[in-house]
């Protein structure tokens, strides 16, 4: 076991390297979902099920062994070197490191044709700010809106967007649901 895993400070490159592989993301999901620790065999079984999009009970020994071997020989040592996990090869146990909590900011999933949430906030803030400023200064003459009403509208809109954002972020975060975000629900 390394002591690095308990005191790690990650670089962005380390996090992206670790999360660039689906098996490593699935290991992180398992550890965050199932109590931050697990046996290599159990983790391999879950990863094999998620990779093949099948029930845990349908995982064959060949699939499980394939995942087990690649986790043991390649992925888990790499994750331990970065400091995400503590991997005890002798005991066959894997534990999420204390420092791994810092990776949440890197796990927001944005699809190819989706906008990041920051763009929604920026747009809504810009529109609301323009309306408040225009109605206060009087440059938006065709809109007869009280400045207080436009400010209340803007604050309410941003608050509602924040609630929706929070809901969706919990749906798409590694370790939040039973299955990883990449696996069809």
N, C-alpha and C. Protein backbone atom coordinates (compact mmCIF):
# COMPACT_ATOMS: atom_id res chain seq x y z
N UNK A 1 0.84 -1.19 0.00
CA UNK A 1 0.00 0.00 0.00
C UNK A 1 0.87 1.24 0.00
N UNK A 2 0.46 2.27 -0.71
CA UNK A 2 1.24 3.49 -0.73
C UNK A 2 0.62 4.51 0.20
N UNK A 3 1.48 5.37 0.72
CA UNK A 3 0.95 6.47 1.54
C UNK A 3 0.57 7.65 0.67
N UNK A 4 1.03 7.62 -0.59
CA UNK A 4 0.72 8.70 -1.52
C UNK A 4 -0.79 8.86 -1.69
N UNK A 5 -1.53 7.77 -1.68
CA UNK A 5 -2.96 7.82 -1.95
C UNK A 5 -3.72 8.61 -0.90
N UNK A 6 -3.21 8.69 0.31
CA UNK A 6 -3.93 9.42 1.34
C UNK A 6 -3.58 10.90 1.38
N UNK A 7 -2.49 11.29 0.70
CA UNK A 7 -2.07 12.69 0.74
C UNK A 7 -1.90 13.28 -0.66
N UNK A 8 -2.54 12.71 -1.64
CA UNK A 8 -2.33 13.11 -3.02
C UNK A 8 -2.95 14.47 -3.32
N UNK A 9 -2.26 15.21 -4.17
CA UNK A 9 -2.83 16.39 -4.78
C UNK A 9 -2.76 16.12 -6.27
N UNK A 10 -3.91 16.13 -6.90
CA UNK A 10 -3.97 15.74 -8.29
C UNK A 10 -3.70 16.92 -9.20
N UNK A 11 -3.10 16.60 -10.34
CA UNK A 11 -3.06 17.59 -11.40
C UNK A 11 -4.25 17.29 -12.31
N UNK A 12 -4.61 18.25 -13.10
CA UNK A 12 -5.70 18.04 -14.04
C UNK A 12 -5.39 16.88 -14.98
N UNK A 13 -4.16 16.81 -15.42
CA UNK A 13 -3.75 15.73 -16.32
C UNK A 13 -3.91 14.36 -15.66
N UNK A 14 -3.57 14.27 -14.37
CA UNK A 14 -3.74 13.00 -13.65
C UNK A 14 -5.20 12.57 -13.65
N UNK A 15 -6.08 13.49 -13.35
CA UNK A 15 -7.51 13.17 -13.28
C UNK A 15 -8.03 12.76 -14.65
N UNK A 16 -7.69 13.54 -15.66
CA UNK A 16 -8.17 13.22 -17.00
C UNK A 16 -7.60 11.89 -17.49
N UNK A 17 -6.36 11.61 -17.16
CA UNK A 17 -5.76 10.32 -17.52
C UNK A 17 -6.51 9.19 -16.83
N UNK A 18 -6.77 9.34 -15.57
CA UNK A 18 -7.46 8.29 -14.82
C UNK A 18 -8.88 8.07 -15.34
N UNK A 19 -9.58 9.15 -15.64
CA UNK A 19 -10.97 9.04 -16.06
C UNK A 19 -11.12 8.83 -17.57
N UNK A 20 -10.01 8.77 -18.29
CA UNK A 20 -10.09 8.57 -19.74
C UNK A 20 -10.46 7.14 -20.10
N UNK A 21 -10.37 6.23 -19.15
CA UNK A 21 -10.67 4.83 -19.42
C UNK A 21 -11.97 4.44 -18.73
N UNK A 22 -12.84 3.77 -19.48
CA UNK A 22 -14.16 3.39 -18.96
C UNK A 22 -14.04 2.48 -17.74
N UNK A 23 -13.12 1.52 -17.76
CA UNK A 23 -12.99 0.61 -16.61
C UNK A 23 -12.60 1.37 -15.36
N UNK A 24 -11.72 2.33 -15.48
CA UNK A 24 -11.34 3.11 -14.30
C UNK A 24 -12.50 3.97 -13.82
N UNK A 25 -13.29 4.52 -14.74
CA UNK A 25 -14.49 5.29 -14.32
C UNK A 25 -15.47 4.36 -13.61
N UNK A 26 -15.62 3.14 -14.11
CA UNK A 26 -16.52 2.19 -13.47
C UNK A 26 -16.02 1.80 -12.08
N UNK A 27 -14.71 1.66 -11.91
CA UNK A 27 -14.16 1.38 -10.57
C UNK A 27 -14.48 2.53 -9.63
N UNK A 28 -14.28 3.78 -10.10
CA UNK A 28 -14.59 4.94 -9.26
C UNK A 28 -16.08 4.96 -8.91
N UNK A 29 -16.91 4.65 -9.89
CA UNK A 29 -18.35 4.63 -9.63
C UNK A 29 -18.69 3.58 -8.57
N UNK A 30 -18.14 2.39 -8.72
CA UNK A 30 -18.41 1.31 -7.76
C UNK A 30 -18.01 1.76 -6.35
N UNK A 31 -16.80 2.29 -6.21
CA UNK A 31 -16.32 2.67 -4.88
C UNK A 31 -17.16 3.79 -4.28
N UNK A 32 -17.57 4.74 -5.08
CA UNK A 32 -18.40 5.83 -4.55
C UNK A 32 -19.82 5.35 -4.24
N UNK A 33 -20.30 4.41 -5.01
CA UNK A 33 -21.67 3.91 -4.83
C UNK A 33 -21.78 2.92 -3.68
N UNK A 34 -20.76 2.09 -3.49
CA UNK A 34 -20.87 0.96 -2.56
C UNK A 34 -19.93 1.06 -1.35
N UNK A 35 -19.82 2.21 -0.77
CA UNK A 35 -19.14 2.33 0.51
C UNK A 35 -17.66 2.58 0.49
N UNK A 36 -17.09 3.03 -0.62
CA UNK A 36 -15.70 3.45 -0.72
C UNK A 36 -14.68 2.34 -0.60
N UNK A 37 -15.11 1.10 -0.50
CA UNK A 37 -14.17 -0.01 -0.45
C UNK A 37 -14.83 -1.26 -1.05
N UNK A 38 -14.01 -2.16 -1.54
CA UNK A 38 -14.56 -3.39 -2.10
C UNK A 38 -13.47 -4.38 -2.44
N UNK A 39 -13.88 -5.61 -2.66
CA UNK A 39 -12.92 -6.63 -3.06
C UNK A 39 -12.74 -6.56 -4.57
N UNK A 40 -11.56 -6.92 -5.02
CA UNK A 40 -11.25 -6.87 -6.44
C UNK A 40 -12.22 -7.74 -7.23
N UNK A 41 -12.56 -8.92 -6.72
CA UNK A 41 -13.48 -9.82 -7.42
C UNK A 41 -14.86 -9.23 -7.60
N UNK A 42 -15.38 -8.62 -6.57
CA UNK A 42 -16.71 -8.00 -6.64
C UNK A 42 -16.72 -6.81 -7.59
N UNK A 43 -15.67 -6.01 -7.51
CA UNK A 43 -15.56 -4.85 -8.40
C UNK A 43 -15.48 -5.32 -9.86
N UNK A 44 -14.66 -6.34 -10.11
CA UNK A 44 -14.51 -6.87 -11.47
C UNK A 44 -15.85 -7.38 -12.01
N UNK A 45 -16.62 -8.01 -11.16
CA UNK A 45 -17.92 -8.53 -11.57
C UNK A 45 -18.88 -7.39 -11.96
N UNK A 46 -18.91 -6.34 -11.16
CA UNK A 46 -19.76 -5.19 -11.47
C UNK A 46 -19.30 -4.49 -12.76
N UNK A 47 -17.99 -4.31 -12.90
CA UNK A 47 -17.47 -3.66 -14.10
C UNK A 47 -17.84 -4.46 -15.34
N UNK A 48 -17.68 -5.79 -15.28
CA UNK A 48 -18.04 -6.65 -16.41
C UNK A 48 -19.53 -6.54 -16.74
N UNK A 49 -20.36 -6.47 -15.73
CA UNK A 49 -21.81 -6.33 -15.96
C UNK A 49 -22.11 -4.99 -16.64
N UNK A 50 -21.50 -3.92 -16.16
CA UNK A 50 -21.75 -2.60 -16.74
C UNK A 50 -21.20 -2.51 -18.16
N UNK A 51 -20.03 -3.08 -18.40
CA UNK A 51 -19.45 -3.04 -19.74
C UNK A 51 -20.33 -3.76 -20.76
N UNK A 52 -20.91 -4.85 -20.35
CA UNK A 52 -21.74 -5.64 -21.25
C UNK A 52 -23.23 -5.31 -21.16
N UNK A 53 -23.56 -4.35 -20.28
CA UNK A 53 -24.93 -3.91 -20.05
C UNK A 53 -25.86 -5.10 -19.76
N UNK A 54 -25.41 -5.92 -18.80
CA UNK A 54 -26.18 -7.09 -18.39
C UNK A 54 -26.34 -7.09 -16.88
N UNK A 55 -27.24 -7.92 -16.39
CA UNK A 55 -27.41 -8.06 -14.95
C UNK A 55 -26.17 -8.70 -14.34
N UNK A 56 -25.94 -8.42 -13.09
CA UNK A 56 -24.79 -8.97 -12.38
C UNK A 56 -24.81 -10.50 -12.40
N UNK A 57 -25.99 -11.08 -12.29
CA UNK A 57 -26.11 -12.54 -12.26
C UNK A 57 -25.77 -13.19 -13.61
N UNK A 58 -25.76 -12.40 -14.69
CA UNK A 58 -25.49 -12.95 -16.03
C UNK A 58 -24.02 -12.87 -16.42
N UNK A 59 -23.17 -12.33 -15.55
CA UNK A 59 -21.74 -12.19 -15.87
C UNK A 59 -21.10 -13.57 -15.87
N UNK A 60 -20.47 -13.91 -16.99
CA UNK A 60 -19.78 -15.20 -17.11
C UNK A 60 -18.38 -15.14 -16.51
N UNK A 61 -17.82 -16.30 -16.24
CA UNK A 61 -16.50 -16.36 -15.62
C UNK A 61 -15.42 -15.78 -16.55
N UNK A 62 -15.59 -15.95 -17.86
CA UNK A 62 -14.61 -15.41 -18.81
C UNK A 62 -14.58 -13.90 -18.79
N UNK A 63 -15.75 -13.28 -18.78
CA UNK A 63 -15.83 -11.82 -18.73
C UNK A 63 -15.27 -11.29 -17.41
N UNK A 64 -15.65 -11.96 -16.33
CA UNK A 64 -15.18 -11.54 -15.01
C UNK A 64 -13.67 -11.65 -14.92
N UNK A 65 -13.09 -12.75 -15.40
CA UNK A 65 -11.64 -12.96 -15.34
C UNK A 65 -10.89 -11.94 -16.19
N UNK A 66 -11.43 -11.63 -17.37
CA UNK A 66 -10.82 -10.65 -18.24
C UNK A 66 -10.72 -9.30 -17.53
N UNK A 67 -11.82 -8.85 -16.94
CA UNK A 67 -11.84 -7.57 -16.23
C UNK A 67 -10.94 -7.64 -15.00
N UNK A 68 -11.03 -8.72 -14.24
CA UNK A 68 -10.23 -8.90 -13.03
C UNK A 68 -8.74 -8.74 -13.34
N UNK A 69 -8.29 -9.43 -14.38
CA UNK A 69 -6.87 -9.41 -14.74
C UNK A 69 -6.42 -8.01 -15.16
N UNK A 70 -7.22 -7.34 -15.99
CA UNK A 70 -6.81 -6.00 -16.44
C UNK A 70 -6.84 -5.00 -15.29
N UNK A 71 -7.81 -5.14 -14.39
CA UNK A 71 -7.84 -4.24 -13.22
C UNK A 71 -6.62 -4.48 -12.34
N UNK A 72 -6.34 -5.74 -12.06
CA UNK A 72 -5.25 -6.09 -11.15
C UNK A 72 -3.88 -5.69 -11.71
N UNK A 73 -3.68 -5.92 -12.98
CA UNK A 73 -2.35 -5.71 -13.55
C UNK A 73 -2.11 -4.30 -14.09
N UNK A 74 -3.16 -3.62 -14.48
CA UNK A 74 -2.95 -2.32 -15.11
C UNK A 74 -3.71 -1.17 -14.47
N UNK A 75 -5.02 -1.26 -14.44
CA UNK A 75 -5.84 -0.10 -14.05
C UNK A 75 -5.70 0.28 -12.58
N UNK A 76 -5.80 -0.68 -11.68
CA UNK A 76 -5.73 -0.33 -10.25
C UNK A 76 -4.35 0.19 -9.85
N UNK A 77 -3.25 -0.42 -10.31
CA UNK A 77 -1.94 0.19 -10.00
C UNK A 77 -1.81 1.62 -10.53
N UNK A 78 -2.34 1.88 -11.71
CA UNK A 78 -2.29 3.23 -12.28
C UNK A 78 -3.10 4.20 -11.41
N UNK A 79 -4.28 3.76 -10.98
CA UNK A 79 -5.12 4.61 -10.13
C UNK A 79 -4.46 4.85 -8.78
N UNK A 80 -3.75 3.85 -8.28
CA UNK A 80 -3.05 4.01 -7.00
C UNK A 80 -1.88 4.96 -7.15
N UNK A 81 -1.16 4.86 -8.25
CA UNK A 81 -0.03 5.77 -8.48
C UNK A 81 -0.48 7.22 -8.52
N UNK A 82 -1.63 7.47 -9.09
CA UNK A 82 -2.18 8.82 -9.16
C UNK A 82 -2.65 9.27 -7.77
N UNK A 83 -3.11 8.32 -6.95
CA UNK A 83 -3.57 8.64 -5.61
C UNK A 83 -5.07 8.58 -5.44
N UNK A 84 -5.77 8.00 -6.41
CA UNK A 84 -7.22 7.90 -6.31
C UNK A 84 -7.68 6.79 -5.37
N UNK A 85 -6.90 5.72 -5.32
CA UNK A 85 -7.29 4.56 -4.53
C UNK A 85 -6.12 4.04 -3.73
N UNK A 86 -6.44 3.15 -2.79
CA UNK A 86 -5.45 2.37 -2.07
C UNK A 86 -5.74 0.92 -2.46
N UNK A 87 -4.78 0.29 -3.11
CA UNK A 87 -4.96 -1.05 -3.64
C UNK A 87 -4.02 -2.00 -2.92
N UNK A 88 -4.60 -2.93 -2.18
CA UNK A 88 -3.82 -3.96 -1.48
C UNK A 88 -3.90 -5.24 -2.30
N UNK A 89 -2.88 -5.48 -3.12
CA UNK A 89 -2.89 -6.64 -4.01
C UNK A 89 -2.94 -7.95 -3.24
N UNK A 90 -2.24 -8.01 -2.13
CA UNK A 90 -2.19 -9.23 -1.34
C UNK A 90 -3.57 -9.62 -0.81
N UNK A 91 -4.29 -8.64 -0.29
CA UNK A 91 -5.62 -8.91 0.27
C UNK A 91 -6.71 -8.84 -0.81
N UNK A 92 -6.39 -8.25 -1.96
CA UNK A 92 -7.38 -8.12 -3.02
C UNK A 92 -8.44 -7.09 -2.71
N UNK A 93 -8.06 -6.03 -2.00
CA UNK A 93 -9.03 -4.99 -1.64
C UNK A 93 -8.67 -3.66 -2.29
N UNK A 94 -9.70 -2.88 -2.55
CA UNK A 94 -9.54 -1.57 -3.17
C UNK A 94 -10.33 -0.59 -2.31
N UNK A 95 -9.71 0.54 -2.03
CA UNK A 95 -10.35 1.55 -1.19
C UNK A 95 -10.18 2.92 -1.84
N UNK A 96 -11.22 3.71 -1.84
CA UNK A 96 -11.17 5.07 -2.36
C UNK A 96 -10.33 5.91 -1.41
N UNK A 97 -9.42 6.69 -1.94
CA UNK A 97 -8.57 7.53 -1.09
C UNK A 97 -9.34 8.76 -0.60
N UNK A 98 -8.82 9.35 0.45
CA UNK A 98 -9.42 10.57 0.98
C UNK A 98 -9.40 11.67 -0.09
N UNK A 99 -8.31 11.74 -0.82
CA UNK A 99 -8.13 12.79 -1.81
C UNK A 99 -9.05 12.63 -3.02
N UNK A 100 -9.60 11.46 -3.23
CA UNK A 100 -10.43 11.21 -4.42
C UNK A 100 -11.70 12.05 -4.43
N UNK A 101 -12.11 12.57 -3.30
CA UNK A 101 -13.31 13.42 -3.26
C UNK A 101 -13.11 14.68 -4.11
N UNK A 102 -11.86 15.06 -4.33
CA UNK A 102 -11.56 16.26 -5.11
C UNK A 102 -11.88 16.12 -6.59
N UNK A 103 -12.15 14.92 -7.07
CA UNK A 103 -12.36 14.75 -8.51
C UNK A 103 -13.77 15.08 -8.96
N UNK A 104 -14.68 15.34 -8.05
CA UNK A 104 -16.06 15.62 -8.44
C UNK A 104 -16.17 16.75 -9.46
N UNK A 105 -15.31 17.75 -9.35
CA UNK A 105 -15.41 18.88 -10.26
C UNK A 105 -15.03 18.50 -11.69
N UNK A 106 -14.40 17.35 -11.87
CA UNK A 106 -14.00 16.92 -13.21
C UNK A 106 -14.97 15.94 -13.84
N UNK A 107 -16.03 15.57 -13.13
CA UNK A 107 -16.87 14.49 -13.62
C UNK A 107 -18.23 14.94 -14.17
N UNK A 108 -18.40 16.23 -14.41
CA UNK A 108 -19.65 16.67 -15.03
C UNK A 108 -19.65 16.19 -16.47
N UNK A 109 -20.68 15.45 -16.81
CA UNK A 109 -20.78 14.91 -18.16
C UNK A 109 -21.60 15.85 -19.04
N UNK A 110 -21.00 16.29 -20.12
CA UNK A 110 -21.69 17.14 -21.08
C UNK A 110 -21.67 16.40 -22.41
N UNK A 111 -22.85 16.10 -22.91
CA UNK A 111 -22.95 15.38 -24.18
C UNK A 111 -22.49 16.22 -25.36
N UNK A 112 -22.31 15.58 -26.46
CA UNK A 112 -21.80 16.23 -27.66
C UNK A 112 -22.66 17.40 -28.09
N UNK A 113 -23.97 17.28 -28.01
CA UNK A 113 -24.87 18.33 -28.49
C UNK A 113 -25.54 19.08 -27.34
N UNK A 114 -24.90 19.08 -26.18
CA UNK A 114 -25.45 19.77 -25.02
C UNK A 114 -24.59 20.97 -24.68
N UNK A 115 -25.19 21.94 -24.04
CA UNK A 115 -24.46 23.10 -23.54
C UNK A 115 -24.06 22.84 -22.10
N UNK A 116 -22.89 23.30 -21.69
CA UNK A 116 -22.57 23.22 -20.26
C UNK A 116 -23.49 24.16 -19.48
N UNK A 117 -23.73 23.80 -18.24
CA UNK A 117 -24.67 24.59 -17.42
C UNK A 117 -24.24 26.03 -17.28
N UNK A 118 -22.97 26.30 -17.30
CA UNK A 118 -22.50 27.68 -17.16
C UNK A 118 -23.07 28.58 -18.26
N UNK A 119 -23.30 28.03 -19.45
CA UNK A 119 -23.86 28.82 -20.54
C UNK A 119 -25.32 29.20 -20.26
N UNK A 120 -26.07 28.30 -19.63
CA UNK A 120 -27.45 28.62 -19.26
C UNK A 120 -27.47 29.77 -18.25
N UNK A 121 -26.60 29.69 -17.23
CA UNK A 121 -26.54 30.74 -16.22
C UNK A 121 -26.11 32.06 -16.83
N UNK A 122 -25.11 32.01 -17.68
CA UNK A 122 -24.62 33.23 -18.32
C UNK A 122 -25.71 33.87 -19.17
N UNK A 123 -26.42 33.07 -19.94
CA UNK A 123 -27.50 33.59 -20.79
C UNK A 123 -28.62 34.19 -19.96
N UNK A 124 -29.07 33.46 -18.95
CA UNK A 124 -30.16 33.95 -18.13
C UNK A 124 -29.74 35.21 -17.36
N UNK A 125 -28.52 35.22 -16.84
CA UNK A 125 -28.03 36.41 -16.15
C UNK A 125 -27.93 37.61 -17.08
N UNK A 126 -27.46 37.37 -18.30
CA UNK A 126 -27.35 38.46 -19.28
C UNK A 126 -28.70 39.02 -19.67
N UNK A 127 -29.66 38.14 -19.94
CA UNK A 127 -31.01 38.58 -20.31
C UNK A 127 -31.66 39.32 -19.15
N UNK A 128 -31.58 38.72 -17.96
CA UNK A 128 -32.19 39.37 -16.79
C UNK A 128 -31.53 40.70 -16.46
N UNK A 129 -30.22 40.73 -16.54
CA UNK A 129 -29.50 41.98 -16.27
C UNK A 129 -29.84 43.06 -17.27
N UNK A 130 -29.99 42.68 -18.53
CA UNK A 130 -30.37 43.65 -19.56
C UNK A 130 -31.76 44.21 -19.31
N UNK A 131 -32.68 43.35 -18.91
CA UNK A 131 -34.05 43.81 -18.64
C UNK A 131 -34.07 44.75 -17.43
N UNK A 132 -33.36 44.37 -16.36
CA UNK A 132 -33.33 45.22 -15.16
C UNK A 132 -32.70 46.57 -15.49
N UNK A 133 -31.55 46.53 -16.17
CA UNK A 133 -30.86 47.77 -16.51
C UNK A 133 -31.71 48.62 -17.45
N UNK A 134 -32.26 47.98 -18.48
CA UNK A 134 -33.08 48.72 -19.44
C UNK A 134 -34.32 49.32 -18.83
N UNK A 135 -34.97 48.58 -17.93
CA UNK A 135 -36.19 49.13 -17.32
C UNK A 135 -35.87 50.21 -16.29
N UNK A 136 -34.70 50.13 -15.66
CA UNK A 136 -34.30 51.15 -14.69
C UNK A 136 -33.88 52.44 -15.38
N UNK A 137 -33.07 52.30 -16.41
CA UNK A 137 -32.56 53.46 -17.13
C UNK A 137 -33.60 54.03 -18.09
N UNK A 138 -34.51 53.18 -18.54
CA UNK A 138 -35.56 53.63 -19.44
C UNK A 138 -35.22 53.42 -20.91
N UNK A 139 -34.21 52.64 -21.20
CA UNK A 139 -33.84 52.41 -22.60
C UNK A 139 -34.73 51.38 -23.27
N UNK A 140 -35.41 50.57 -22.47
CA UNK A 140 -36.33 49.60 -23.04
C UNK A 140 -37.73 50.17 -22.86
N UNK A 141 -38.10 51.06 -23.76
CA UNK A 141 -39.36 51.77 -23.62
C UNK A 141 -40.55 50.92 -24.01
N UNK A 142 -40.35 49.96 -24.89
CA UNK A 142 -41.49 49.14 -25.32
C UNK A 142 -41.89 48.12 -24.26
N UNK A 143 -41.06 47.93 -23.26
CA UNK A 143 -41.40 47.02 -22.17
C UNK A 143 -41.66 47.87 -20.93
N UNK A 144 -42.89 47.86 -20.49
CA UNK A 144 -43.24 48.63 -19.31
C UNK A 144 -43.24 47.71 -18.10
N UNK A 145 -42.03 47.45 -17.59
CA UNK A 145 -41.86 46.54 -16.45
C UNK A 145 -41.23 47.31 -15.30
N UNK A 146 -41.80 47.13 -14.15
CA UNK A 146 -41.25 47.72 -12.94
C UNK A 146 -39.87 47.13 -12.67
N UNK A 147 -38.87 47.94 -12.34
CA UNK A 147 -37.53 47.42 -12.07
C UNK A 147 -37.51 46.34 -10.97
N UNK A 148 -38.33 46.51 -9.94
CA UNK A 148 -38.39 45.51 -8.88
C UNK A 148 -38.94 44.19 -9.40
N UNK A 149 -39.97 44.26 -10.23
CA UNK A 149 -40.56 43.04 -10.80
C UNK A 149 -39.54 42.34 -11.70
N UNK A 150 -38.78 43.09 -12.50
CA UNK A 150 -37.78 42.45 -13.36
C UNK A 150 -36.65 41.84 -12.52
N UNK A 151 -36.28 42.48 -11.43
CA UNK A 151 -35.25 41.92 -10.55
C UNK A 151 -35.75 40.63 -9.89
N UNK A 152 -36.99 40.63 -9.44
CA UNK A 152 -37.58 39.42 -8.84
C UNK A 152 -37.64 38.29 -9.86
N UNK A 153 -38.04 38.62 -11.11
CA UNK A 153 -38.08 37.62 -12.18
C UNK A 153 -36.69 37.02 -12.40
N UNK A 154 -35.67 37.87 -12.46
CA UNK A 154 -34.30 37.39 -12.72
C UNK A 154 -33.81 36.49 -11.60
N UNK A 155 -33.98 36.92 -10.36
CA UNK A 155 -33.53 36.12 -9.22
C UNK A 155 -34.28 34.79 -9.16
N UNK A 156 -35.58 34.82 -9.38
CA UNK A 156 -36.39 33.60 -9.37
C UNK A 156 -35.96 32.65 -10.49
N UNK A 157 -35.74 33.19 -11.67
CA UNK A 157 -35.33 32.36 -12.81
C UNK A 157 -33.99 31.69 -12.55
N UNK A 158 -33.03 32.42 -12.04
CA UNK A 158 -31.72 31.85 -11.74
C UNK A 158 -31.83 30.80 -10.64
N UNK A 159 -32.68 31.04 -9.66
CA UNK A 159 -32.86 30.06 -8.58
C UNK A 159 -33.48 28.77 -9.09
N UNK A 160 -34.49 28.89 -9.94
CA UNK A 160 -35.12 27.69 -10.52
C UNK A 160 -34.10 26.93 -11.37
N UNK A 161 -33.32 27.64 -12.17
CA UNK A 161 -32.29 26.99 -12.98
C UNK A 161 -31.28 26.27 -12.10
N UNK A 162 -30.91 26.87 -10.97
CA UNK A 162 -29.96 26.23 -10.06
C UNK A 162 -30.52 24.93 -9.48
N UNK A 163 -31.81 24.91 -9.15
CA UNK A 163 -32.44 23.69 -8.63
C UNK A 163 -32.44 22.60 -9.70
N UNK A 164 -32.81 22.96 -10.93
CA UNK A 164 -32.82 22.00 -12.03
C UNK A 164 -31.40 21.48 -12.28
N UNK A 165 -30.43 22.37 -12.27
CA UNK A 165 -29.03 22.01 -12.47
C UNK A 165 -28.57 21.01 -11.40
N UNK A 166 -28.89 21.29 -10.17
CA UNK A 166 -28.51 20.40 -9.07
C UNK A 166 -29.12 19.02 -9.25
N UNK A 167 -30.37 18.97 -9.63
CA UNK A 167 -31.04 17.69 -9.87
C UNK A 167 -30.33 16.89 -10.96
N UNK A 168 -30.09 17.52 -12.10
CA UNK A 168 -29.46 16.80 -13.22
C UNK A 168 -28.02 16.43 -12.93
N UNK A 169 -27.31 17.24 -12.18
CA UNK A 169 -25.91 16.91 -11.87
C UNK A 169 -25.83 15.67 -10.99
N UNK A 170 -26.78 15.50 -10.11
CA UNK A 170 -26.79 14.30 -9.28
C UNK A 170 -27.15 13.06 -10.08
N UNK A 171 -27.86 13.24 -11.18
CA UNK A 171 -28.20 12.11 -12.04
C UNK A 171 -27.02 11.66 -12.87
N UNK A 172 -26.13 12.59 -13.23
CA UNK A 172 -25.04 12.30 -14.16
C UNK A 172 -23.67 12.25 -13.49
N UNK A 173 -23.60 12.12 -12.19
CA UNK A 173 -22.31 12.12 -11.51
C UNK A 173 -21.89 10.69 -11.20
N UNK A 174 -20.62 10.45 -11.34
CA UNK A 174 -20.06 9.13 -11.02
C UNK A 174 -20.35 8.82 -9.55
N UNK A 175 -20.93 7.65 -9.30
CA UNK A 175 -21.19 7.20 -7.95
C UNK A 175 -22.53 7.61 -7.37
N UNK A 176 -23.34 8.34 -8.11
CA UNK A 176 -24.61 8.82 -7.58
C UNK A 176 -25.74 7.81 -7.74
N UNK A 177 -25.76 7.04 -8.82
CA UNK A 177 -26.84 6.11 -9.09
C UNK A 177 -26.31 4.69 -9.05
N UNK A 178 -27.23 3.73 -9.12
CA UNK A 178 -26.82 2.33 -9.07
C UNK A 178 -25.87 1.97 -10.20
N UNK A 179 -26.16 2.46 -11.41
CA UNK A 179 -25.31 2.18 -12.56
C UNK A 179 -24.55 3.45 -12.91
N UNK A 180 -23.36 3.31 -13.52
CA UNK A 180 -22.63 4.50 -13.97
C UNK A 180 -23.43 5.30 -15.00
N UNK A 181 -23.16 6.59 -15.12
CA UNK A 181 -23.93 7.42 -16.05
C UNK A 181 -23.85 6.94 -17.50
N UNK A 182 -22.77 6.28 -17.87
CA UNK A 182 -22.58 5.84 -19.26
C UNK A 182 -23.40 4.60 -19.61
N UNK A 183 -23.84 3.87 -18.60
CA UNK A 183 -24.58 2.64 -18.84
C UNK A 183 -26.05 2.98 -18.99
N UNK A 184 -26.69 2.47 -20.01
CA UNK A 184 -28.11 2.76 -20.23
C UNK A 184 -28.91 2.41 -18.99
N UNK A 185 -29.71 3.35 -18.53
CA UNK A 185 -30.47 3.13 -17.29
C UNK A 185 -31.69 2.30 -17.55
